[in-house]
Amino acid sequence: AAEIARFIGALADTPRLVEVALARFDAVRDVA
């Protein structure tokens, strides 16, 4: 149950993490 709860919490947090990744556009541009 604890592992499942951890995964569900991480899944619920995914939209926020995607927003963080999107905000790093300039860093990706430097590499490109």
PDB file of all heavy atoms in Angstrom:
ATOM      1  N   ALA A   1       0.821  -1.212   0.000  1.00  0.00           N
ATOM      2  CA  ALA A   1       0.000   0.000   0.000  1.00  0.00           C
ATOM      3  C   ALA A   1       0.856   1.264   0.000  1.00  0.00           C
ATOM      4  O   ALA A   1       0.522   2.254  -0.666  1.00  0.00           O
ATOM      5  CB  ALA A   1      -0.941  -0.008   1.198  1.00  0.00           C
ATOM      6  N   ALA A   2       1.960   1.249   0.722  1.00  0.00           N
ATOM      7  CA  ALA A   2       2.823   2.435   0.784  1.00  0.00           C
ATOM      8  C   ALA A   2       3.471   2.719  -0.568  1.00  0.00           C
ATOM      9  O   ALA A   2       3.568   3.877  -0.989  1.00  0.00           O
ATOM     10  CB  ALA A   2       3.901   2.246   1.853  1.00  0.00           C
ATOM     11  N   GLU A   3       3.894   1.664  -1.262  1.00  0.00           N
ATOM     12  CA  GLU A   3       4.500   1.854  -2.589  1.00  0.00           C
ATOM     13  C   GLU A   3       3.475   2.378  -3.586  1.00  0.00           C
ATOM     14  O   GLU A   3       3.773   3.266  -4.391  1.00  0.00           O
ATOM     15  CB  GLU A   3       5.084   0.527  -3.090  1.00  0.00           C
ATOM     16  CG  GLU A   3       6.299   0.060  -2.312  1.00  0.00           C
ATOM     17  CD  GLU A   3       6.714  -1.347  -2.694  1.00  0.00           C
ATOM     18  OE1 GLU A   3       5.846  -2.253  -2.677  1.00  0.00           O
ATOM     19  OE2 GLU A   3       7.900  -1.523  -3.029  1.00  0.00           O
ATOM     20  N   ILE A   4       2.273   1.840  -3.529  1.00  0.00           N
ATOM     21  CA  ILE A   4       1.218   2.299  -4.432  1.00  0.00           C
ATOM     22  C   ILE A   4       0.883   3.755  -4.155  1.00  0.00           C
ATOM     23  O   ILE A   4       0.757   4.564  -5.078  1.00  0.00           O
ATOM     24  CB  ILE A   4      -0.022   1.393  -4.319  1.00  0.00           C
ATOM     25  CG1 ILE A   4       0.297   0.011  -4.911  1.00  0.00           C
ATOM     26  CG2 ILE A   4      -1.233   2.020  -5.014  1.00  0.00           C
ATOM     27  CD1 ILE A   4      -0.752  -1.039  -4.685  1.00  0.00           C
ATOM     28  N   ALA A   5       0.791   4.123  -2.881  1.00  0.00           N
ATOM     29  CA  ALA A   5       0.508   5.518  -2.522  1.00  0.00           C
ATOM     30  C   ALA A   5       1.623   6.440  -3.015  1.00  0.00           C
ATOM     31  O   ALA A   5       1.358   7.553  -3.488  1.00  0.00           O
ATOM     32  CB  ALA A   5       0.335   5.639  -1.012  1.00  0.00           C
ATOM     33  N   ARG A   6       2.871   5.981  -2.926  1.00  0.00           N
ATOM     34  CA  ARG A   6       4.004   6.795  -3.396  1.00  0.00           C
ATOM     35  C   ARG A   6       3.899   7.037  -4.909  1.00  0.00           C
ATOM     36  O   ARG A   6       4.088   8.152  -5.385  1.00  0.00           O
ATOM     37  CB  ARG A   6       5.315   6.098  -3.049  1.00  0.00           C
ATOM     38  CG  ARG A   6       6.547   6.956  -3.308  1.00  0.00           C
ATOM     39  CD  ARG A   6       7.831   6.240  -2.973  1.00  0.00           C
ATOM     40  NE  ARG A   6       8.191   5.359  -4.064  1.00  0.00           N
ATOM     41  CZ  ARG A   6       8.391   4.051  -3.950  1.00  0.00           C
ATOM     42  NH1 ARG A   6       8.253   3.456  -2.794  1.00  0.00           N
ATOM     43  NH2 ARG A   6       8.727   3.331  -5.004  1.00  0.00           N
ATOM     44  N   PHE A   7       3.573   5.978  -5.660  1.00  0.00           N
ATOM     45  CA  PHE A   7       3.434   6.116  -7.109  1.00  0.00           C
ATOM     46  C   PHE A   7       2.261   7.022  -7.478  1.00  0.00           C
ATOM     47  O   PHE A   7       2.368   7.845  -8.396  1.00  0.00           O
ATOM     48  CB  PHE A   7       3.262   4.753  -7.773  1.00  0.00           C
ATOM     49  CG  PHE A   7       4.554   4.055  -8.068  1.00  0.00           C
ATOM     50  CD1 PHE A   7       4.938   2.947  -7.332  1.00  0.00           C
ATOM     51  CD2 PHE A   7       5.392   4.504  -9.079  1.00  0.00           C
ATOM     52  CE1 PHE A   7       6.137   2.297  -7.601  1.00  0.00           C
ATOM     53  CE2 PHE A   7       6.589   3.878  -9.351  1.00  0.00           C
ATOM     54  CZ  PHE A   7       6.961   2.760  -8.602  1.00  0.00           C
ATOM     55  N   ILE A   8       1.152   6.897  -6.771  1.00  0.00           N
ATOM     56  CA  ILE A   8      -0.011   7.747  -7.063  1.00  0.00           C
ATOM     57  C   ILE A   8       0.327   9.206  -6.768  1.00  0.00           C
ATOM     58  O   ILE A   8      -0.036  10.110  -7.530  1.00  0.00           O
ATOM     59  CB  ILE A   8      -1.254   7.259  -6.298  1.00  0.00           C
ATOM     60  CG1 ILE A   8      -1.731   5.925  -6.898  1.00  0.00           C
ATOM     61  CG2 ILE A   8      -2.374   8.298  -6.333  1.00  0.00           C
ATOM     62  CD1 ILE A   8      -2.856   5.260  -6.156  1.00  0.00           C
ATOM     63  N   GLY A   9       1.047   9.437  -5.676  1.00  0.00           N
ATOM     64  CA  GLY A   9       1.477  10.800  -5.357  1.00  0.00           C
ATOM     65  C   GLY A   9       2.389  11.365  -6.437  1.00  0.00           C
ATOM     66  O   GLY A   9       2.261  12.528  -6.832  1.00  0.00           O
ATOM     67  N   ALA A  10       3.304  10.529  -6.926  1.00  0.00           N
ATOM     68  CA  ALA A  10       4.216  10.970  -7.991  1.00  0.00           C
ATOM     69  C   ALA A  10       3.454  11.242  -9.276  1.00  0.00           C
ATOM     70  O   ALA A  10       3.743  12.211  -9.992  1.00  0.00           O
ATOM     71  CB  ALA A  10       5.294   9.915  -8.228  1.00  0.00           C
ATOM     72  N   LEU A  11       2.467  10.410  -9.573  1.00  0.00           N
ATOM     73  CA  LEU A  11       1.656  10.618 -10.775  1.00  0.00           C
ATOM     74  C   LEU A  11       0.881  11.932 -10.674  1.00  0.00           C
ATOM     75  O   LEU A  11       0.828  12.703 -11.644  1.00  0.00           O
ATOM     76  CB  LEU A  11       0.705   9.438 -10.967  1.00  0.00           C
ATOM     77  CG  LEU A  11      -0.076   9.376 -12.268  1.00  0.00           C
ATOM     78  CD1 LEU A  11       0.847   9.351 -13.471  1.00  0.00           C
ATOM     79  CD2 LEU A  11      -0.977   8.138 -12.276  1.00  0.00           C
ATOM     80  N   ALA A  12       0.333  12.212  -9.509  1.00  0.00           N
ATOM     81  CA  ALA A  12      -0.406  13.461  -9.307  1.00  0.00           C
ATOM     82  C   ALA A  12       0.514  14.676  -9.424  1.00  0.00           C
ATOM     83  O   ALA A  12       0.070  15.765  -9.803  1.00  0.00           O
ATOM     84  CB  ALA A  12      -1.100  13.447  -7.943  1.00  0.00           C
ATOM     85  N   ASP A  13       1.795  14.499  -9.119  1.00  0.00           N
ATOM     86  CA  ASP A  13       2.767  15.595  -9.179  1.00  0.00           C
ATOM     87  C   ASP A  13       3.336  15.802 -10.581  1.00  0.00           C
ATOM     88  O   ASP A  13       4.019  16.786 -10.834  1.00  0.00           O
ATOM     89  CB  ASP A  13       3.906  15.315  -8.184  1.00  0.00           C
ATOM     90  CG  ASP A  13       4.771  16.535  -7.915  1.00  0.00           C
ATOM     91  OD1 ASP A  13       4.224  17.663  -7.852  1.00  0.00           O
ATOM     92  OD2 ASP A  13       5.996  16.363  -7.768  1.00  0.00           O
ATOM     93  N   THR A  14       3.051  14.887 -11.499  1.00  0.00           N
ATOM     94  CA  THR A  14       3.632  14.951 -12.837  1.00  0.00           C
ATOM     95  C   THR A  14       3.320  16.252 -13.592  1.00  0.00           C
ATOM     96  O   THR A  14       4.222  16.825 -14.212  1.00  0.00           O
ATOM     97  CB  THR A  14       3.214  13.719 -13.659  1.00  0.00           C
ATOM     98  OG1 THR A  14       3.696  12.544 -12.996  1.00  0.00           O
ATOM     99  CG2 THR A  14       3.788  13.772 -15.066  1.00  0.00           C
ATOM    100  N   PRO A  15       2.093  16.770 -13.548  1.00  0.00           N
ATOM    101  CA  PRO A  15       1.848  18.037 -14.259  1.00  0.00           C
ATOM    102  C   PRO A  15       2.765  19.172 -13.778  1.00  0.00           C
ATOM    103  O   PRO A  15       3.249  19.965 -14.592  1.00  0.00           O
ATOM    104  CB  PRO A  15       0.376  18.346 -13.967  1.00  0.00           C
ATOM    105  CG  PRO A  15      -0.236  17.004 -13.728  1.00  0.00           C
ATOM    106  CD  PRO A  15       0.834  16.214 -13.019  1.00  0.00           C
ATOM    107  N   ARG A  16       3.036  19.233 -12.490  1.00  0.00           N
ATOM    108  CA  ARG A  16       3.937  20.263 -11.971  1.00  0.00           C
ATOM    109  C   ARG A  16       5.352  20.057 -12.506  1.00  0.00           C
ATOM    110  O   ARG A  16       6.028  21.011 -12.901  1.00  0.00           O
ATOM    111  CB  ARG A  16       3.946  20.235 -10.430  1.00  0.00           C
ATOM    112  CG  ARG A  16       4.833  21.322  -9.821  1.00  0.00           C
ATOM    113  CD  ARG A  16       4.951  21.168  -8.313  1.00  0.00           C
ATOM    114  NE  ARG A  16       5.690  19.971  -7.948  1.00  0.00           N
ATOM    115  CZ  ARG A  16       7.028  19.882  -7.950  1.00  0.00           C
ATOM    116  NH1 ARG A  16       7.770  20.906  -8.334  1.00  0.00           N
ATOM    117  NH2 ARG A  16       7.621  18.754  -7.598  1.00  0.00           N
ATOM    118  N   LEU A  17       5.800  18.804 -12.537  1.00  0.00           N
ATOM    119  CA  LEU A  17       7.141  18.514 -13.033  1.00  0.00           C
ATOM    120  C   LEU A  17       7.274  18.841 -14.520  1.00  0.00           C
ATOM    121  O   LEU A  17       8.324  19.309 -14.971  1.00  0.00           O
ATOM    122  CB  LEU A  17       7.500  17.052 -12.775  1.00  0.00           C
ATOM    123  CG  LEU A  17       7.519  16.615 -11.307  1.00  0.00           C
ATOM    124  CD1 LEU A  17       7.910  15.152 -11.196  1.00  0.00           C
ATOM    125  CD2 LEU A  17       8.430  17.489 -10.477  1.00  0.00           C
ATOM    126  N   VAL A  18       6.215  18.603 -15.275  1.00  0.00           N
ATOM    127  CA  VAL A  18       6.212  18.959 -16.699  1.00  0.00           C
ATOM    128  C   VAL A  18       6.341  20.478 -16.849  1.00  0.00           C
ATOM    129  O   VAL A  18       7.085  20.971 -17.706  1.00  0.00           O
ATOM    130  CB  VAL A  18       4.951  18.423 -17.407  1.00  0.00           C
ATOM    131  CG1 VAL A  18       4.778  19.042 -18.782  1.00  0.00           C
ATOM    132  CG2 VAL A  18       5.026  16.896 -17.507  1.00  0.00           C
ATOM    133  N   GLU A  19       5.638  21.221 -15.997  1.00  0.00           N
ATOM    134  CA  GLU A  19       5.758  22.691 -16.027  1.00  0.00           C
ATOM    135  C   GLU A  19       7.186  23.129 -15.731  1.00  0.00           C
ATOM    136  O   GLU A  19       7.715  24.034 -16.386  1.00  0.00           O
ATOM    137  CB  GLU A  19       4.801  23.316 -14.995  1.00  0.00           C
ATOM    138  CG  GLU A  19       3.351  23.058 -15.276  1.00  0.00           C
ATOM    139  CD  GLU A  19       2.667  24.241 -15.918  1.00  0.00           C
ATOM    140  OE1 GLU A  19       3.240  25.334 -15.947  1.00  0.00           O
ATOM    141  OE2 GLU A  19       1.552  24.035 -16.412  1.00  0.00           O
ATOM    142  N   VAL A  20       7.826  22.481 -14.766  1.00  0.00           N
ATOM    143  CA  VAL A  20       9.216  22.808 -14.438  1.00  0.00           C
ATOM    144  C   VAL A  20      10.111  22.528 -15.646  1.00  0.00           C
ATOM    145  O   VAL A  20      10.962  23.350 -16.006  1.00  0.00           O
ATOM    146  CB  VAL A  20       9.694  22.011 -13.198  1.00  0.00           C
ATOM    147  CG1 VAL A  20      11.192  22.177 -12.988  1.00  0.00           C
ATOM    148  CG2 VAL A  20       8.928  22.444 -11.955  1.00  0.00           C
ATOM    149  N   ALA A  21       9.921  21.367 -16.267  1.00  0.00           N
ATOM    150  CA  ALA A  21      10.721  21.015 -17.444  1.00  0.00           C
ATOM    151  C   ALA A  21      10.491  22.009 -18.587  1.00  0.00           C
ATOM    152  O   ALA A  21      11.437  22.428 -19.261  1.00  0.00           O
ATOM    153  CB  ALA A  21      10.409  19.587 -17.895  1.00  0.00           C
ATOM    154  N   LEU A  22       9.250  22.405 -18.807  1.00  0.00           N
ATOM    155  CA  LEU A  22       8.937  23.379 -19.861  1.00  0.00           C
ATOM    156  C   LEU A  22       9.638  24.715 -19.620  1.00  0.00           C
ATOM    157  O   LEU A  22      10.073  25.375 -20.565  1.00  0.00           O
ATOM    158  CB  LEU A  22       7.427  23.611 -19.934  1.00  0.00           C
ATOM    159  CG  LEU A  22       6.614  22.568 -20.683  1.00  0.00           C
ATOM    160  CD1 LEU A  22       5.128  22.785 -20.445  1.00  0.00           C
ATOM    161  CD2 LEU A  22       6.925  22.603 -22.170  1.00  0.00           C
ATOM    162  N   ALA A  23       9.766  25.088 -18.369  1.00  0.00           N
ATOM    163  CA  ALA A  23      10.361  26.382 -18.022  1.00  0.00           C
ATOM    164  C   ALA A  23      11.865  26.421 -18.275  1.00  0.00           C
ATOM    165  O   ALA A  23      12.470  27.488 -18.217  1.00  0.00           O
ATOM    166  CB  ALA A  23      10.068  26.709 -16.558  1.00  0.00           C
ATOM    167  N   ARG A  24      12.473  25.297 -18.601  1.00  0.00           N
ATOM    168  CA  ARG A  24      13.915  25.241 -18.832  1.00  0.00           C
ATOM    169  C   ARG A  24      14.280  25.350 -20.311  1.00  0.00           C
ATOM    170  O   ARG A  24      15.342  24.927 -20.739  1.00  0.00           O
ATOM    171  CB  ARG A  24      14.456  23.957 -18.223  1.00  0.00           C
ATOM    172  CG  ARG A  24      14.244  23.967 -16.712  1.00  0.00           C
ATOM    173  CD  ARG A  24      14.791  22.772 -16.046  1.00  0.00           C
ATOM    174  NE  ARG A  24      14.539  22.866 -14.612  1.00  0.00           N
ATOM    175  CZ  ARG A  24      14.834  21.929 -13.763  1.00  0.00           C
ATOM    176  NH1 ARG A  24      15.437  20.824 -14.175  1.00  0.00           N
ATOM    177  NH2 ARG A  24      14.568  22.068 -12.477  1.00  0.00           N
ATOM    178  N   PHE A  25      13.407  25.935 -21.061  1.00  0.00           N
ATOM    179  CA  PHE A  25      13.562  26.101 -22.499  1.00  0.00           C
ATOM    180  C   PHE A  25      14.904  26.734 -22.863  1.00  0.00           C
ATOM    181  O   PHE A  25      15.593  26.281 -23.771  1.00  0.00           O
ATOM    182  CB  PHE A  25      12.402  26.962 -23.010  1.00  0.00           C
ATOM    183  CG  PHE A  25      12.306  27.067 -24.496  1.00  0.00           C
ATOM    184  CD1 PHE A  25      11.728  26.060 -25.246  1.00  0.00           C
ATOM    185  CD2 PHE A  25      12.779  28.193 -25.149  1.00  0.00           C
ATOM    186  CE1 PHE A  25      11.617  26.158 -26.625  1.00  0.00           C
ATOM    187  CE2 PHE A  25      12.672  28.310 -26.527  1.00  0.00           C
ATOM    188  CZ  PHE A  25      12.096  27.290 -27.263  1.00  0.00           C
ATOM    189  N   ASP A  26      15.290  27.778 -22.155  1.00  0.00           N
ATOM    190  CA  ASP A  26      16.536  28.480 -22.481  1.00  0.00           C
ATOM    191  C   ASP A  26      17.761  27.602 -22.267  1.00  0.00           C
ATOM    192  O   ASP A  26      18.727  27.675 -23.026  1.00  0.00           O
ATOM    193  CB  ASP A  26      16.665  29.769 -21.670  1.00  0.00           C
ATOM    194  CG  ASP A  26      15.676  30.838 -22.121  1.00  0.00           C
ATOM    195  OD1 ASP A  26      15.179  30.746 -23.271  1.00  0.00           O
ATOM    196  OD2 ASP A  26      15.394  31.764 -21.333  1.00  0.00           O
ATOM    197  N   ALA A  27      17.725  26.758 -21.236  1.00  0.00           N
ATOM    198  CA  ALA A  27      18.844  25.849 -20.992  1.00  0.00           C
ATOM    199  C   ALA A  27      18.965  24.826 -22.119  1.00  0.00           C
ATOM    200  O   ALA A  27      20.070  24.487 -22.555  1.00  0.00           O
ATOM    201  CB  ALA A  27      18.673  25.146 -19.644  1.00  0.00           C
ATOM    202  N   VAL A  28      17.834  24.350 -22.611  1.00  0.00           N
ATOM    203  CA  VAL A  28      17.847  23.409 -23.737  1.00  0.00           C
ATOM    204  C   VAL A  28      18.331  24.120 -24.998  1.00  0.00           C
ATOM    205  O   VAL A  28      19.089  23.560 -25.791  1.00  0.00           O
ATOM    206  CB  VAL A  28      16.458  22.774 -23.954  1.00  0.00           C
ATOM    207  CG1 VAL A  28      16.480  21.805 -25.134  1.00  0.00           C
ATOM    208  CG2 VAL A  28      15.986  22.050 -22.689  1.00  0.00           C
ATOM    209  N   ARG A  29      17.934  25.383 -25.176  1.00  0.00           N
ATOM    210  CA  ARG A  29      18.384  26.154 -26.326  1.00  0.00           C
ATOM    211  C   ARG A  29      19.906  26.282 -26.335  1.00  0.00           C
ATOM    212  O   ARG A  29      20.539  26.196 -27.380  1.00  0.00           O
ATOM    213  CB  ARG A  29      17.759  27.544 -26.334  1.00  0.00           C
ATOM    214  CG  ARG A  29      18.129  28.341 -27.577  1.00  0.00           C
ATOM    215  CD  ARG A  29      17.896  29.840 -27.477  1.00  0.00           C
ATOM    216  NE  ARG A  29      16.791  30.240 -26.669  1.00  0.00           N
ATOM    217  CZ  ARG A  29      15.571  30.549 -27.132  1.00  0.00           C
ATOM    218  NH1 ARG A  29      15.316  30.447 -28.413  1.00  0.00           N
ATOM    219  NH2 ARG A  29      14.634  30.934 -26.307  1.00  0.00           N
ATOM    220  N   ASP A  30      20.504  26.472 -25.152  1.00  0.00           N
ATOM    221  CA  ASP A  30      21.964  26.585 -25.074  1.00  0.00           C
ATOM    222  C   ASP A  30      22.641  25.323 -25.607  1.00  0.00           C
ATOM    223  O   ASP A  30      23.645  25.398 -26.316  1.00  0.00           O
ATOM    224  CB  ASP A  30      22.402  26.843 -23.628  1.00  0.00           C
ATOM    225  CG  ASP A  30      21.993  28.219 -23.132  1.00  0.00           C
ATOM    226  OD1 ASP A  30      21.661  29.087 -23.967  1.00  0.00           O
ATOM    227  OD2 ASP A  30      21.990  28.423 -21.899  1.00  0.00           O
ATOM    228  N   VAL A  31      22.087  24.167 -25.274  1.00  0.00           N
ATOM    229  CA  VAL A  31      22.640  22.901 -25.764  1.00  0.00           C
ATOM    230  C   VAL A  31      22.413  22.786 -27.267  1.00  0.00           C
ATOM    231  O   VAL A  31      23.332  22.454 -28.023  1.00  0.00           O
ATOM    232  CB  VAL A  31      22.018  21.699 -25.019  1.00  0.00           C
ATOM    233  CG1 VAL A  31      22.496  20.384 -25.619  1.00  0.00           C
ATOM    234  CG2 VAL A  31      22.342  21.767 -23.526  1.00  0.00           C
ATOM    235  N   ALA A  32      21.200  23.061 -27.708  1.00  0.00           N
ATOM    236  CA  ALA A  32      20.866  22.936 -29.131  1.00  0.00           C
ATOM    237  C   ALA A  32      21.771  23.811 -29.990  1.00  0.00           C
ATOM    238  O   ALA A  32      22.205  23.397 -31.075  1.00  0.00           O
ATOM    239  CB  ALA A  32      19.401  23.291 -29.353  1.00  0.00           C
TER     240      ALA A  32
END
